C-alpha atoms as a PDB file:
ATOM      1  CA  MET A   1     -20.003  -5.930   2.781  1.00  0.00           C
ATOM      2  CA  LYS A   2     -17.610  -3.861   4.916  1.00  0.00           C
ATOM      3  CA  ALA A   3     -14.656  -1.960   3.475  1.00  0.00           C
ATOM      4  CA  TYR A   4     -11.450  -0.963   5.231  1.00  0.00           C
ATOM      5  CA  GLU A   5      -9.097   1.615   3.789  1.00  0.00           C
ATOM      6  CA  PHE A   6      -5.529   1.872   5.020  1.00  0.00           C
ATOM      7  CA  PRO A   7      -2.022   2.404   3.679  1.00  0.00           C
ATOM      8  CA  ALA A   8       0.081  -0.735   3.338  1.00  0.00           C
ATOM      9  CA  ASN A   9       3.563  -1.672   2.197  1.00  0.00           C
ATOM     10  CA  VAL A  10       4.746  -4.439  -0.078  1.00  0.00           C
ATOM     11  CA  THR A  11       7.680  -6.272   1.495  1.00  0.00           C
ATOM     12  CA  ASP A  12      10.871  -7.313  -0.291  1.00  0.00           C
ATOM     13  CA  GLU A  13       9.344 -10.801  -0.443  1.00  0.00           C
ATOM     14  CA  GLY A  14       6.338  -9.432  -2.363  1.00  0.00           C
ATOM     15  CA  LYS A  15       3.849  -9.695   0.507  1.00  0.00           C
ATOM     16  CA  ILE A  16       1.421  -6.987   1.619  1.00  0.00           C
ATOM     17  CA  GLU A  17       1.698  -6.050   5.279  1.00  0.00           C
ATOM     18  CA  LEU A  18      -1.672  -5.459   6.951  1.00  0.00           C
ATOM     19  CA  PRO A  19      -1.908  -3.299  10.086  1.00  0.00           C
ATOM     20  CA  ASN A  20      -2.686  -5.210  13.293  1.00  0.00           C
ATOM     21  CA  VAL A  21      -5.958  -3.341  13.722  1.00  0.00           C
ATOM     22  CA  ILE A  22      -7.157  -4.855  10.425  1.00  0.00           C
ATOM     23  CA  TRP A  23      -6.045  -8.379  11.416  1.00  0.00           C
ATOM     24  CA  GLN A  24      -8.190  -8.044  14.534  1.00  0.00           C
ATOM     25  CA  GLN A  25     -11.260  -7.298  12.376  1.00  0.00           C
ATOM     26  CA  LEU A  26     -10.876 -10.429  10.219  1.00  0.00           C
ATOM     27  CA  ALA A  27     -12.139 -13.848  11.226  1.00  0.00           C
ATOM     28  CA  ASN A  28      -9.978 -16.906  10.535  1.00  0.00           C
ATOM     29  CA  ASN A  29     -10.710 -18.693   7.264  1.00  0.00           C
ATOM     30  CA  GLN A  30     -12.841 -15.761   6.131  1.00  0.00           C
ATOM     31  CA  GLN A  31     -12.935 -15.075   2.412  1.00  0.00           C
ATOM     32  CA  VAL A  32     -12.118 -11.461   1.527  1.00  0.00           C
ATOM     33  CA  LYS A  33     -12.107  -9.388  -1.652  1.00  0.00           C
ATOM     34  CA  VAL A  34      -8.900  -7.460  -2.279  1.00  0.00           C
ATOM     35  CA  ILE A  35      -8.633  -4.317  -4.395  1.00  0.00           C
ATOM     36  CA  ILE A  36      -5.171  -2.809  -4.813  1.00  0.00           C
ATOM     37  CA  LEU A  37      -4.794   0.848  -5.752  1.00  0.00           C
ATOM     38  CA  VAL A  38      -1.356   2.259  -6.533  1.00  0.00           C
ATOM     39  CA  ASN A  39      -0.347   5.849  -7.193  1.00  0.00           C
ATOM     40  CA  GLU A  40       0.802   6.538 -10.715  1.00  0.00           C
ATOM     41  CA  PRO A  41       3.703   8.912 -11.286  1.00  0.00           C
ATOM     42  CA  THR A  42       2.717  12.439 -12.229  1.00  0.00           C
ATOM     43  CA  GLU A  43       3.500  13.803 -15.683  1.00  0.00           C
ATOM     44  CA  GLU A  44       6.298  15.853 -14.111  1.00  0.00           C
ATOM     45  CA  GLU A  45       7.825  12.751 -12.478  1.00  0.00           C
ATOM     46  CA  GLN A  46       7.609  10.825 -15.751  1.00  0.00           C
ATOM     47  CA  GLU A  47       9.336  13.669 -17.602  1.00  0.00           C
ATOM     48  CA  GLU A  48      12.091  13.888 -14.992  1.00  0.00           C
ATOM     49  CA  THR A  49      12.664  10.124 -15.236  1.00  0.00           C
ATOM     50  CA  ALA A  50      12.867  10.369 -19.031  1.00  0.00           C
ATOM     51  CA  TRP A  51      15.453  13.170 -18.798  1.00  0.00           C
ATOM     52  CA  HIS A  52      17.573  11.152 -16.356  1.00  0.00           C
ATOM     53  CA  ARG A  53      17.427   8.123 -18.657  1.00  0.00           C
ATOM     54  CA  LEU A  54      18.382  10.234 -21.700  1.00  0.00           C
ATOM     55  CA  ALA A  55      21.285  11.857 -19.837  1.00  0.00           C
ATOM     56  CA  ALA A  56      22.629   8.459 -18.763  1.00  0.00           C
ATOM     57  CA  GLU A  57      22.307   7.077 -22.299  1.00  0.00           C
ATOM     58  CA  GLN A  58      24.104  10.062 -23.795  1.00  0.00           C
ATOM     59  CA  LEU A  59      26.878   9.883 -21.193  1.00  0.00           C
ATOM     60  CA  LEU A  60      27.452   6.189 -21.869  1.00  0.00           C
ATOM     61  CA  LYS A  61      27.444   6.762 -25.638  1.00  0.00           C
ATOM     62  CA  GLY A  62      30.682   8.703 -25.270  1.00  0.00           C
ATOM     63  CA  TYR A  63      32.343   5.968 -23.214  1.00  0.00           C
ATOM     64  CA  SER A  64      34.858   3.830 -25.044  1.00  0.00           C
ATOM     65  CA  GLU A  65      36.518   0.566 -23.992  1.00  0.00           C
ATOM     66  CA  ASP A  66      39.784   2.495 -24.293  1.00  0.00           C
ATOM     67  CA  ASP A  67      38.594   4.652 -21.376  1.00  0.00           C
ATOM     68  CA  ALA A  68      38.485   1.605 -19.075  1.00  0.00           C
ATOM     69  CA  ILE A  69      42.147   2.213 -18.219  1.00  0.00           C
ATOM     70  CA  TYR A  70      41.034   5.217 -16.133  1.00  0.00           C
ATOM     71  CA  ASP A  71      38.732   3.026 -14.010  1.00  0.00           C
ATOM     72  CA  THR A  72      41.741   1.584 -12.192  1.00  0.00           C
ATOM     73  CA  ILE A  73      43.141   4.949 -11.082  1.00  0.00           C
END
């Protein structure tokens, strides 16, 4: 079994784009095995995301419907 490693992108339609050089290596109607590896966020990135979420929640807690009058200014 051969293995090819390459970076790929997932499109907005949810499809994985394969580089042309890989397409050239594959025969039509050939069965392949697909393994998808994705990078997980680091602990630092997870903490930063949590802080952003907490800040947004706290900001919105102080918002009142009475403040909506200022949205039209």
